[in-house]
Amino acid sequence: MARKTKEEIALIYQQMQDHICAKLEEYDGQGHFMEDKWDRAQGGGGRTRIFKNGQIIEKGGVAFSAVHGPTPEKILAKLGLEKADFFATGVSIVLHPFSPMVPIIHMNIRYFEMDNGVHWFGGGIDLTPHYIVPEDAQYFHQEVKKTCDAFDQTYYPKFKTWADDYFYLKHRNETRGIGGIFYDRLSGKSDADFEQILQFSLALGRLFPEVYGHFMKKNSRISFGENEKRWQSLRRGRYVEFNLVWDAGTKFGLDTNGRTESILMSMPPQAEWTYMHEPIVGSQEEFTLNHLKKDIDWLNFPT
């Protein structure tokens, strides 16, 4: 069986966007997605869907794009590539909930191809709780590992370490959240390998609404007050810092003259920076801060 073309992959990713949006509307029970179609002057375009009037989701986006054209010199130099035209397609998601007891979540699946035959898949899924709850962290990593193991049992340990290293705020010496998995430049040696990697990315896409639906249902019922909302604002500030300072996807989008509004849809609706903020000793906030570390085995973390 011949491997799928870039146009076929783009269509499949569009369908994944449809699936995820329908599920999120169902789980929220009130909000809906507003679609914004856009074109890129240099080639291609996309559909950015922004969540509106949510009951659980305060701000969120599920973006699909398929862009093409000459590869910018910045990208060629950064990735060590020969000059050729590129094609990139994918689905990218970030959700910010009203409740500080519900985590922020991010997922991205993408495919990159050049006219000279270079191609690869990338993506990942990671969770950023405002409050780290060990059983929630364990559940999330169990579900991600289960999805990885269905394709390759080396994926989870390898991609978890990659996520810990990638979703890391070096200037704060802390991880963005409890991680998940991250992978890039994954390409098959045969058409069968290619298809398996594509199917792996689609399995992650299907996992996304089920995992987040679990947290939407369970955690949105937990009560909270002003203290928790303020902590949420501070943690959202860290999210902004990562996306603007370290995130390669943000940089790729801006360097390829992508659509700024769609690239920055990941920003929270509000965030806060308090000078030299220190959590109270023994508090849940301190517990969270103390566990924003690399290499924690969340599968076997005491609950």
C-alpha atoms as a PDB file:
ATOM      1  CA  MET A   1       0.000   0.000   0.000  1.00  0.00           C
ATOM      2  CA  ALA A   2       1.401   3.371  -1.035  1.00  0.00           C
ATOM      3  CA  ARG A   3       1.842   5.914   1.731  1.00  0.00           C
ATOM      4  CA  LYS A   4      -0.690   8.718   2.015  1.00  0.00           C
ATOM      5  CA  THR A   5      -0.025  11.975   0.213  1.00  0.00           C
ATOM      6  CA  LYS A   6       0.356  15.261   2.046  1.00  0.00           C
ATOM      7  CA  GLU A   7      -3.104  16.307   0.795  1.00  0.00           C
ATOM      8  CA  GLU A   8      -4.643  13.130   2.225  1.00  0.00           C
ATOM      9  CA  ILE A   9      -2.933  13.700   5.567  1.00  0.00           C
ATOM     10  CA  ALA A  10      -4.214  17.291   5.660  1.00  0.00           C
ATOM     11  CA  LEU A  11      -7.771  16.048   5.055  1.00  0.00           C
ATOM     12  CA  ILE A  12      -7.441  13.444   7.819  1.00  0.00           C
ATOM     13  CA  TYR A  13      -6.206  16.121  10.231  1.00  0.00           C
ATOM     14  CA  GLN A  14      -9.148  18.336   9.269  1.00  0.00           C
ATOM     15  CA  GLN A  15     -11.463  15.476  10.179  1.00  0.00           C
ATOM     16  CA  MET A  16      -9.646  15.085  13.492  1.00  0.00           C
ATOM     17  CA  GLN A  17     -10.285  18.767  14.208  1.00  0.00           C
ATOM     18  CA  ASP A  18     -13.999  18.148  13.567  1.00  0.00           C
ATOM     19  CA  HIS A  19     -14.032  15.143  15.902  1.00  0.00           C
ATOM     20  CA  ILE A  20     -12.250  16.935  18.751  1.00  0.00           C
ATOM     21  CA  CYS A  21     -14.421  20.053  18.511  1.00  0.00           C
ATOM     22  CA  ALA A  22     -17.642  18.013  18.583  1.00  0.00           C
ATOM     23  CA  LYS A  23     -16.474  16.092  21.663  1.00  0.00           C
ATOM     24  CA  LEU A  24     -15.403  19.234  23.550  1.00  0.00           C
ATOM     25  CA  GLU A  25     -18.760  20.917  22.887  1.00  0.00           C
ATOM     26  CA  GLU A  26     -20.493  17.787  24.172  1.00  0.00           C
ATOM     27  CA  TYR A  27     -18.400  17.625  27.359  1.00  0.00           C
ATOM     28  CA  ASP A  28     -18.671  21.344  28.105  1.00  0.00           C
ATOM     29  CA  GLY A  29     -22.442  21.198  27.667  1.00  0.00           C
ATOM     30  CA  GLN A  30     -22.861  24.893  26.886  1.00  0.00           C
ATOM     31  CA  GLY A  31     -20.105  26.430  24.796  1.00  0.00           C
ATOM     32  CA  HIS A  32     -19.523  26.188  21.075  1.00  0.00           C
ATOM     33  CA  PHE A  33     -16.726  26.791  18.587  1.00  0.00           C
ATOM     34  CA  MET A  34     -16.575  29.823  16.347  1.00  0.00           C
ATOM     35  CA  GLU A  35     -14.717  29.084  13.112  1.00  0.00           C
ATOM     36  CA  ASP A  36     -12.338  31.519  11.473  1.00  0.00           C
ATOM     37  CA  LYS A  37     -11.028  30.445   8.072  1.00  0.00           C
ATOM     38  CA  TRP A  38      -7.864  32.161   6.896  1.00  0.00           C
ATOM     39  CA  ASP A  39      -5.450  32.188   3.990  1.00  0.00           C
ATOM     40  CA  ARG A  40      -1.683  32.559   4.053  1.00  0.00           C
ATOM     41  CA  ALA A  41      -0.361  34.918   1.384  1.00  0.00           C
ATOM     42  CA  GLN A  42       2.647  32.706   0.620  1.00  0.00           C
ATOM     43  CA  GLY A  43       0.530  29.548   0.293  1.00  0.00           C
ATOM     44  CA  GLY A  44      -2.102  27.558   2.179  1.00  0.00           C
ATOM     45  CA  GLY A  45      -4.273  28.509   5.120  1.00  0.00           C
ATOM     46  CA  GLY A  46      -6.319  27.018   7.893  1.00  0.00           C
ATOM     47  CA  ARG A  47      -9.359  26.888  10.147  1.00  0.00           C
ATOM     48  CA  THR A  48      -8.971  28.293  13.636  1.00  0.00           C
ATOM     49  CA  ARG A  49     -11.811  27.373  15.979  1.00  0.00           C
ATOM     50  CA  ILE A  50     -12.161  29.350  19.201  1.00  0.00           C
ATOM     51  CA  PHE A  51     -14.387  28.214  22.074  1.00  0.00           C
ATOM     52  CA  LYS A  52     -17.097  30.672  23.073  1.00  0.00           C
ATOM     53  CA  ASN A  53     -19.541  30.945  26.003  1.00  0.00           C
ATOM     54  CA  GLY A  54     -18.234  27.859  27.750  1.00  0.00           C
ATOM     55  CA  GLN A  55     -19.389  26.492  31.050  1.00  0.00           C
ATOM     56  CA  ILE A  56     -16.070  24.766  31.874  1.00  0.00           C
ATOM     57  CA  ILE A  57     -13.706  26.033  29.158  1.00  0.00           C
ATOM     58  CA  GLU A  58     -13.008  29.757  29.547  1.00  0.00           C
ATOM     59  CA  LYS A  59     -10.784  30.095  26.501  1.00  0.00           C
ATOM     60  CA  GLY A  60      -9.586  27.523  24.046  1.00  0.00           C
ATOM     61  CA  GLY A  61      -8.726  26.876  20.474  1.00  0.00           C
ATOM     62  CA  VAL A  62      -8.526  23.917  18.130  1.00  0.00           C
ATOM     63  CA  ALA A  63      -6.569  25.018  15.078  1.00  0.00           C
ATOM     64  CA  PHE A  64      -6.000  23.225  11.798  1.00  0.00           C
ATOM     65  CA  SER A  65      -3.530  24.490   9.228  1.00  0.00           C
ATOM     66  CA  ALA A  66      -2.004  23.355   5.959  1.00  0.00           C
ATOM     67  CA  VAL A  67       0.613  25.800   4.689  1.00  0.00           C
ATOM     68  CA  HIS A  68       3.221  25.593   1.957  1.00  0.00           C
ATOM     69  CA  GLY A  69       5.766  27.580  -0.015  1.00  0.00           C
ATOM     70  CA  PRO A  70       9.480  28.399   0.011  1.00  0.00           C
ATOM     71  CA  THR A  71      11.092  27.372   3.299  1.00  0.00           C
ATOM     72  CA  PRO A  72      12.321  30.505   5.118  1.00  0.00           C
ATOM     73  CA  GLU A  73      16.079  30.774   5.598  1.00  0.00           C
ATOM     74  CA  LYS A  74      15.605  30.887   9.395  1.00  0.00           C
ATOM     75  CA  ILE A  75      13.938  27.466   9.340  1.00  0.00           C
ATOM     76  CA  LEU A  76      16.525  25.974   6.956  1.00  0.00           C
ATOM     77  CA  ALA A  77      19.351  27.139   9.199  1.00  0.00           C
ATOM     78  CA  LYS A  78      17.709  26.081  12.447  1.00  0.00           C
ATOM     79  CA  LEU A  79      16.761  22.596  11.241  1.00  0.00           C
ATOM     80  CA  GLY A  80      19.855  22.031   9.108  1.00  0.00           C
ATOM     81  CA  LEU A  81      17.890  21.524   5.883  1.00  0.00           C
ATOM     82  CA  GLU A  82      18.732  21.929   2.222  1.00  0.00           C
ATOM     83  CA  LYS A  83      16.818  24.594   0.330  1.00  0.00           C
ATOM     84  CA  ALA A  84      13.438  23.322  -0.939  1.00  0.00           C
ATOM     85  CA  ASP A  85       9.751  24.197  -0.709  1.00  0.00           C
ATOM     86  CA  PHE A  86       7.870  22.922   2.334  1.00  0.00           C
ATOM     87  CA  PHE A  87       4.389  21.705   3.253  1.00  0.00           C
ATOM     88  CA  ALA A  88       3.228  21.579   6.871  1.00  0.00           C
ATOM     89  CA  THR A  89      -0.128  20.492   8.233  1.00  0.00           C
ATOM     90  CA  GLY A  90      -1.440  19.725  11.691  1.00  0.00           C
ATOM     91  CA  VAL A  91      -3.861  20.268  14.527  1.00  0.00           C
ATOM     92  CA  SER A  92      -2.894  22.292  17.588  1.00  0.00           C
ATOM     93  CA  ILE A  93      -4.959  22.688  20.758  1.00  0.00           C
ATOM     94  CA  VAL A  94      -4.748  24.636  24.010  1.00  0.00           C
ATOM     95  CA  LEU A  95      -7.589  24.862  26.542  1.00  0.00           C
ATOM     96  CA  HIS A  96      -7.782  27.180  29.568  1.00  0.00           C
ATOM     97  CA  PRO A  97     -10.604  26.324  32.014  1.00  0.00           C
ATOM     98  CA  PHE A  98     -12.516  28.678  34.319  1.00  0.00           C
ATOM     99  CA  SER A  99     -11.775  26.523  37.357  1.00  0.00           C
ATOM    100  CA  PRO A 100      -8.251  26.411  38.780  1.00  0.00           C
ATOM    101  CA  MET A 101      -9.011  22.815  39.742  1.00  0.00           C
ATOM    102  CA  VAL A 102      -9.228  21.806  36.065  1.00  0.00           C
ATOM    103  CA  PRO A 103      -5.834  21.633  34.310  1.00  0.00           C
ATOM    104  CA  ILE A 104      -4.659  23.457  31.214  1.00  0.00           C
ATOM    105  CA  ILE A 105      -4.031  21.032  28.375  1.00  0.00           C
ATOM    106  CA  HIS A 106      -2.130  21.164  25.108  1.00  0.00           C
ATOM    107  CA  MET A 107      -1.916  18.793  22.182  1.00  0.00           C
ATOM    108  CA  ASN A 108      -0.315  19.018  18.770  1.00  0.00           C
ATOM    109  CA  ILE A 109      -0.030  16.572  15.880  1.00  0.00           C
ATOM    110  CA  ARG A 110       1.727  17.668  12.718  1.00  0.00           C
ATOM    111  CA  TYR A 111       3.305  16.543   9.470  1.00  0.00           C
ATOM    112  CA  PHE A 112       6.130  18.291   7.608  1.00  0.00           C
ATOM    113  CA  GLU A 113       7.305  17.522   4.062  1.00  0.00           C
ATOM    114  CA  MET A 114       9.713  19.113   1.596  1.00  0.00           C
ATOM    115  CA  ASP A 115       9.919  18.869  -2.184  1.00  0.00           C
ATOM    116  CA  ASN A 116      13.270  17.095  -1.905  1.00  0.00           C
ATOM    117  CA  GLY A 117      11.710  14.122  -0.086  1.00  0.00           C
ATOM    118  CA  VAL A 118      12.519  15.105   3.510  1.00  0.00           C
ATOM    119  CA  HIS A 119       9.504  14.422   5.737  1.00  0.00           C
ATOM    120  CA  TRP A 120       8.565  13.708   9.324  1.00  0.00           C
ATOM    121  CA  PHE A 121       5.815  13.672  11.939  1.00  0.00           C
ATOM    122  CA  GLY A 122       5.870  15.514  15.245  1.00  0.00           C
ATOM    123  CA  GLY A 123       3.548  16.191  18.125  1.00  0.00           C
ATOM    124  CA  GLY A 124       2.704  15.480  21.707  1.00  0.00           C
ATOM    125  CA  ILE A 125       0.284  15.991  24.549  1.00  0.00           C
ATOM    126  CA  ASP A 126       1.014  17.520  27.945  1.00  0.00           C
ATOM    127  CA  LEU A 127      -0.934  18.549  31.024  1.00  0.00           C
ATOM    128  CA  THR A 128      -0.415  21.716  33.064  1.00  0.00           C
ATOM    129  CA  PRO A 129      -2.384  21.512  36.314  1.00  0.00           C
ATOM    130  CA  HIS A 130      -2.697  24.672  38.374  1.00  0.00           C
ATOM    131  CA  TYR A 131      -2.659  22.236  41.309  1.00  0.00           C
ATOM    132  CA  ILE A 132      -0.804  18.944  41.010  1.00  0.00           C
ATOM    133  CA  VAL A 133      -2.993  16.056  42.190  1.00  0.00           C
ATOM    134  CA  PRO A 134      -1.007  12.774  42.186  1.00  0.00           C
ATOM    135  CA  GLU A 135      -3.933  10.532  41.176  1.00  0.00           C
ATOM    136  CA  ASP A 136      -4.783  12.880  38.287  1.00  0.00           C
ATOM    137  CA  ALA A 137      -1.166  12.868  37.141  1.00  0.00           C
ATOM    138  CA  GLN A 138      -1.078   9.079  37.356  1.00  0.00           C
ATOM    139  CA  TYR A 139      -4.310   8.729  35.360  1.00  0.00           C
ATOM    140  CA  PHE A 140      -3.054  11.063  32.630  1.00  0.00           C
ATOM    141  CA  HIS A 141       0.280   9.286  32.235  1.00  0.00           C
ATOM    142  CA  GLN A 142      -1.362   5.845  32.317  1.00  0.00           C
ATOM    143  CA  GLU A 143      -3.664   6.800  29.436  1.00  0.00           C
ATOM    144  CA  VAL A 144      -0.826   8.311  27.416  1.00  0.00           C
ATOM    145  CA  LYS A 145       1.389   5.267  28.021  1.00  0.00           C
ATOM    146  CA  LYS A 146      -1.423   2.934  26.983  1.00  0.00           C
ATOM    147  CA  THR A 147      -1.757   4.801  23.674  1.00  0.00           C
ATOM    148  CA  CYS A 148       2.010   4.725  23.099  1.00  0.00           C
ATOM    149  CA  ASP A 149       2.333   1.044  23.978  1.00  0.00           C
ATOM    150  CA  ALA A 150      -0.235   0.084  21.349  1.00  0.00           C
ATOM    151  CA  PHE A 151       2.309   1.187  18.720  1.00  0.00           C
ATOM    152  CA  ASP A 152       5.770   0.851  20.249  1.00  0.00           C
ATOM    153  CA  GLN A 153       6.707   0.149  23.873  1.00  0.00           C
ATOM    154  CA  THR A 154       9.783   2.357  23.578  1.00  0.00           C
ATOM    155  CA  TYR A 155       7.649   5.410  22.749  1.00  0.00           C
ATOM    156  CA  TYR A 156       6.408   6.328  26.224  1.00  0.00           C
ATOM    157  CA  PRO A 157       9.717   6.348  28.140  1.00  0.00           C
ATOM    158  CA  LYS A 158      11.547   8.016  25.260  1.00  0.00           C
ATOM    159  CA  PHE A 159       8.884  10.637  24.529  1.00  0.00           C
ATOM    160  CA  LYS A 160       8.162  11.311  28.216  1.00  0.00           C
ATOM    161  CA  THR A 161      11.803  12.248  28.780  1.00  0.00           C
ATOM    162  CA  TRP A 162      11.662  14.401  25.652  1.00  0.00           C
ATOM    163  CA  ALA A 163       8.569  16.183  27.014  1.00  0.00           C
ATOM    164  CA  ASP A 164      10.223  16.791  30.398  1.00  0.00           C
ATOM    165  CA  ASP A 165      13.165  18.392  28.620  1.00  0.00           C
ATOM    166  CA  TYR A 166      11.052  20.318  26.118  1.00  0.00           C
ATOM    167  CA  PHE A 167       8.308  21.723  28.375  1.00  0.00           C
ATOM    168  CA  TYR A 168      10.844  23.274  30.703  1.00  0.00           C
ATOM    169  CA  LEU A 169      11.233  26.897  31.741  1.00  0.00           C
ATOM    170  CA  LYS A 170      15.009  27.146  32.015  1.00  0.00           C
ATOM    171  CA  HIS A 171      14.861  30.638  33.475  1.00  0.00           C
ATOM    172  CA  ARG A 172      12.607  29.361  36.303  1.00  0.00           C
ATOM    173  CA  ASN A 173      14.165  25.928  36.742  1.00  0.00           C
ATOM    174  CA  GLU A 174      10.709  24.362  36.615  1.00  0.00           C
ATOM    175  CA  THR A 175       8.646  22.299  34.203  1.00  0.00           C
ATOM    176  CA  ARG A 176       5.540  23.811  32.654  1.00  0.00           C
ATOM    177  CA  GLY A 177       3.393  21.125  34.238  1.00  0.00           C
ATOM    178  CA  ILE A 178       3.484  17.360  34.717  1.00  0.00           C
ATOM    179  CA  GLY A 179       4.612  16.731  31.151  1.00  0.00           C
ATOM    180  CA  GLY A 180       3.275  13.983  28.945  1.00  0.00           C
ATOM    181  CA  ILE A 181       4.974  13.069  25.691  1.00  0.00           C
ATOM    182  CA  PHE A 182       6.706  15.032  22.947  1.00  0.00           C
ATOM    183  CA  TYR A 183       8.238  13.760  19.702  1.00  0.00           C
ATOM    184  CA  ASP A 184       9.615  15.299  16.541  1.00  0.00           C
ATOM    185  CA  ARG A 185      11.244  14.340  13.230  1.00  0.00           C
ATOM    186  CA  LEU A 186       9.697  10.872  13.417  1.00  0.00           C
ATOM    187  CA  SER A 187       9.809   9.264   9.975  1.00  0.00           C
ATOM    188  CA  GLY A 188       9.363   5.706   8.783  1.00  0.00           C
ATOM    189  CA  LYS A 189      11.851   3.727   6.747  1.00  0.00           C
ATOM    190  CA  SER A 190       9.020   2.124   4.760  1.00  0.00           C
ATOM    191  CA  ASP A 191       5.438   2.906   3.728  1.00  0.00           C
ATOM    192  CA  ALA A 192       4.229   0.597   6.515  1.00  0.00           C
ATOM    193  CA  ASP A 193       6.302   2.520   9.092  1.00  0.00           C
ATOM    194  CA  PHE A 194       4.981   5.796   7.702  1.00  0.00           C
ATOM    195  CA  GLU A 195       1.382   4.593   8.089  1.00  0.00           C
ATOM    196  CA  GLN A 196       2.017   3.398  11.644  1.00  0.00           C
ATOM    197  CA  ILE A 197       3.404   6.787  12.694  1.00  0.00           C
ATOM    198  CA  LEU A 198       0.429   8.534  11.093  1.00  0.00           C
ATOM    199  CA  GLN A 199      -1.935   6.208  12.974  1.00  0.00           C
ATOM    200  CA  PHE A 200      -0.050   6.908  16.205  1.00  0.00           C
ATOM    201  CA  SER A 201      -0.645  10.640  15.742  1.00  0.00           C
ATOM    202  CA  LEU A 202      -4.345   9.986  15.126  1.00  0.00           C
ATOM    203  CA  ALA A 203      -4.575   7.808  18.237  1.00  0.00           C
ATOM    204  CA  LEU A 204      -3.208  10.758  20.241  1.00  0.00           C
ATOM    205  CA  GLY A 205      -5.837  12.961  18.634  1.00  0.00           C
ATOM    206  CA  ARG A 206      -8.617  10.582  19.685  1.00  0.00           C
ATOM    207  CA  LEU A 207      -7.166  10.274  23.190  1.00  0.00           C
ATOM    208  CA  PHE A 208      -7.189  14.027  23.728  1.00  0.00           C
ATOM    209  CA  PRO A 209     -10.948  14.700  24.203  1.00  0.00           C
ATOM    210  CA  GLU A 210     -11.428  11.529  26.261  1.00  0.00           C
ATOM    211  CA  VAL A 211      -8.684  12.421  28.741  1.00  0.00           C
ATOM    212  CA  TYR A 212      -9.719  16.055  28.986  1.00  0.00           C
ATOM    213  CA  GLY A 213     -13.392  15.103  29.175  1.00  0.00           C
ATOM    214  CA  HIS A 214     -12.498  13.073  32.286  1.00  0.00           C
ATOM    215  CA  PHE A 215     -10.945  16.131  33.948  1.00  0.00           C
ATOM    216  CA  MET A 216     -13.765  18.428  32.818  1.00  0.00           C
ATOM    217  CA  LYS A 217     -16.357  16.149  34.404  1.00  0.00           C
ATOM    218  CA  LYS A 218     -14.473  15.319  37.612  1.00  0.00           C
ATOM    219  CA  ASN A 219     -12.564  18.474  38.512  1.00  0.00           C
ATOM    220  CA  SER A 220     -15.023  21.191  37.462  1.00  0.00           C
ATOM    221  CA  ARG A 221     -17.233  20.169  40.420  1.00  0.00           C
ATOM    222  CA  ILE A 222     -14.526  20.915  43.014  1.00  0.00           C
ATOM    223  CA  SER A 223     -15.117  24.156  44.920  1.00  0.00           C
ATOM    224  CA  PHE A 224     -12.515  26.943  44.955  1.00  0.00           C
ATOM    225  CA  GLY A 225     -12.087  30.500  46.182  1.00  0.00           C
ATOM    226  CA  GLU A 226     -10.128  33.707  45.633  1.00  0.00           C
ATOM    227  CA  ASN A 227      -6.834  32.168  46.724  1.00  0.00           C
ATOM    228  CA  GLU A 228      -7.112  29.425  44.099  1.00  0.00           C
ATOM    229  CA  LYS A 229      -8.080  31.912  41.376  1.00  0.00           C
ATOM    230  CA  ARG A 230      -5.062  34.063  42.172  1.00  0.00           C
ATOM    231  CA  TRP A 231      -2.773  31.035  42.011  1.00  0.00           C
ATOM    232  CA  GLN A 232      -4.344  30.131  38.665  1.00  0.00           C
ATOM    233  CA  SER A 233      -3.431  33.591  37.350  1.00  0.00           C
ATOM    234  CA  LEU A 234       0.178  33.148  38.470  1.00  0.00           C
ATOM    235  CA  ARG A 235       0.422  29.708  36.848  1.00  0.00           C
ATOM    236  CA  ARG A 236      -1.093  31.103  33.669  1.00  0.00           C
ATOM    237  CA  GLY A 237       1.715  33.654  33.704  1.00  0.00           C
ATOM    238  CA  ARG A 238       4.234  30.811  33.611  1.00  0.00           C
ATOM    239  CA  TYR A 239       2.352  29.342  30.649  1.00  0.00           C
ATOM    240  CA  VAL A 240       2.723  32.634  28.788  1.00  0.00           C
ATOM    241  CA  GLU A 241       6.432  32.732  29.588  1.00  0.00           C
ATOM    242  CA  PHE A 242       7.016  29.279  28.125  1.00  0.00           C
ATOM    243  CA  ASN A 243       5.030  29.892  24.953  1.00  0.00           C
ATOM    244  CA  LEU A 244       6.674  33.218  24.176  1.00  0.00           C
ATOM    245  CA  VAL A 245      10.237  32.418  25.250  1.00  0.00           C
ATOM    246  CA  TRP A 246      10.794  28.714  24.557  1.00  0.00           C
ATOM    247  CA  ASP A 247       8.072  27.154  22.409  1.00  0.00           C
ATOM    248  CA  ALA A 248       9.398  26.012  19.028  1.00  0.00           C
ATOM    249  CA  GLY A 249       5.908  25.842  17.495  1.00  0.00           C
ATOM    250  CA  THR A 250       5.285  29.513  18.229  1.00  0.00           C
ATOM    251  CA  LYS A 251       8.641  30.417  16.706  1.00  0.00           C
ATOM    252  CA  PHE A 252       8.036  28.225  13.626  1.00  0.00           C
ATOM    253  CA  GLY A 253       4.633  29.827  13.043  1.00  0.00           C
ATOM    254  CA  LEU A 254       5.980  33.358  13.314  1.00  0.00           C
ATOM    255  CA  ASP A 255       9.106  32.583  11.255  1.00  0.00           C
ATOM    256  CA  THR A 256       6.965  31.172   8.412  1.00  0.00           C
ATOM    257  CA  ASN A 257       4.698  34.254   8.441  1.00  0.00           C
ATOM    258  CA  GLY A 258       1.846  32.263   9.924  1.00  0.00           C
ATOM    259  CA  ARG A 259      -1.317  33.859  11.201  1.00  0.00           C
ATOM    260  CA  THR A 260      -0.442  35.637  14.444  1.00  0.00           C
ATOM    261  CA  GLU A 261      -3.950  35.437  15.949  1.00  0.00           C
ATOM    262  CA  SER A 262      -4.016  31.668  15.438  1.00  0.00           C
ATOM    263  CA  ILE A 263      -0.458  31.174  16.698  1.00  0.00           C
ATOM    264  CA  LEU A 264      -1.172  33.117  19.890  1.00  0.00           C
ATOM    265  CA  MET A 265      -4.550  31.515  20.596  1.00  0.00           C
ATOM    266  CA  SER A 266      -2.707  29.540  23.277  1.00  0.00           C
ATOM    267  CA  MET A 267      -2.479  32.591  25.510  1.00  0.00           C
ATOM    268  CA  PRO A 268      -4.745  32.558  28.610  1.00  0.00           C
ATOM    269  CA  PRO A 269      -7.516  35.159  28.933  1.00  0.00           C
ATOM    270  CA  GLN A 270      -5.831  36.697  31.990  1.00  0.00           C
ATOM    271  CA  ALA A 271      -2.501  36.134  33.715  1.00  0.00           C
ATOM    272  CA  GLU A 272      -0.612  37.669  36.608  1.00  0.00           C
ATOM    273  CA  TRP A 273       2.979  38.284  37.643  1.00  0.00           C
ATOM    274  CA  THR A 274       3.653  39.008  41.328  1.00  0.00           C
ATOM    275  CA  TYR A 275       7.157  40.055  42.263  1.00  0.00           C
ATOM    276  CA  MET A 276       8.996  37.373  44.283  1.00  0.00           C
ATOM    277  CA  HIS A 277       5.841  35.421  45.072  1.00  0.00           C
ATOM    278  CA  GLU A 278       6.431  32.614  47.587  1.00  0.00           C
ATOM    279  CA  PRO A 279       3.731  30.046  48.404  1.00  0.00           C
ATOM    280  CA  ILE A 280       2.796  29.350  52.025  1.00  0.00           C
ATOM    281  CA  VAL A 281       4.835  26.526  53.566  1.00  0.00           C
ATOM    282  CA  GLY A 282       2.848  23.290  53.622  1.00  0.00           C
ATOM    283  CA  SER A 283       0.225  24.569  51.158  1.00  0.00           C
ATOM    284  CA  GLN A 284      -1.063  22.885  48.005  1.00  0.00           C
ATOM    285  CA  GLU A 285       0.600  25.686  46.084  1.00  0.00           C
ATOM    286  CA  GLU A 286       3.974  24.795  47.605  1.00  0.00           C
ATOM    287  CA  PHE A 287       3.399  21.090  46.859  1.00  0.00           C
ATOM    288  CA  THR A 288       2.715  21.969  43.231  1.00  0.00           C
ATOM    289  CA  LEU A 289       5.780  24.173  42.912  1.00  0.00           C
ATOM    290  CA  ASN A 290       7.987  21.518  44.516  1.00  0.00           C
ATOM    291  CA  HIS A 291       6.856  18.928  41.963  1.00  0.00           C
ATOM    292  CA  LEU A 292       7.342  20.924  38.792  1.00  0.00           C
ATOM    293  CA  LYS A 293      10.462  18.876  38.163  1.00  0.00           C
ATOM    294  CA  LYS A 294      11.854  16.688  35.414  1.00  0.00           C
ATOM    295  CA  ASP A 295      12.000  12.888  35.603  1.00  0.00           C
ATOM    296  CA  ILE A 296       9.193  12.299  38.097  1.00  0.00           C
ATOM    297  CA  ASP A 297       7.718   8.831  37.648  1.00  0.00           C
ATOM    298  CA  TRP A 298       4.048   9.809  37.724  1.00  0.00           C
ATOM    299  CA  LEU A 299       2.930   6.249  36.969  1.00  0.00           C
ATOM    300  CA  ASN A 300       4.261   5.104  40.360  1.00  0.00           C
ATOM    301  CA  PHE A 301       4.000   8.346  42.320  1.00  0.00           C
ATOM    302  CA  PRO A 302       2.402   7.802  45.771  1.00  0.00           C
ATOM    303  CA  THR A 303      -1.288   8.733  45.678  1.00  0.00           C
END
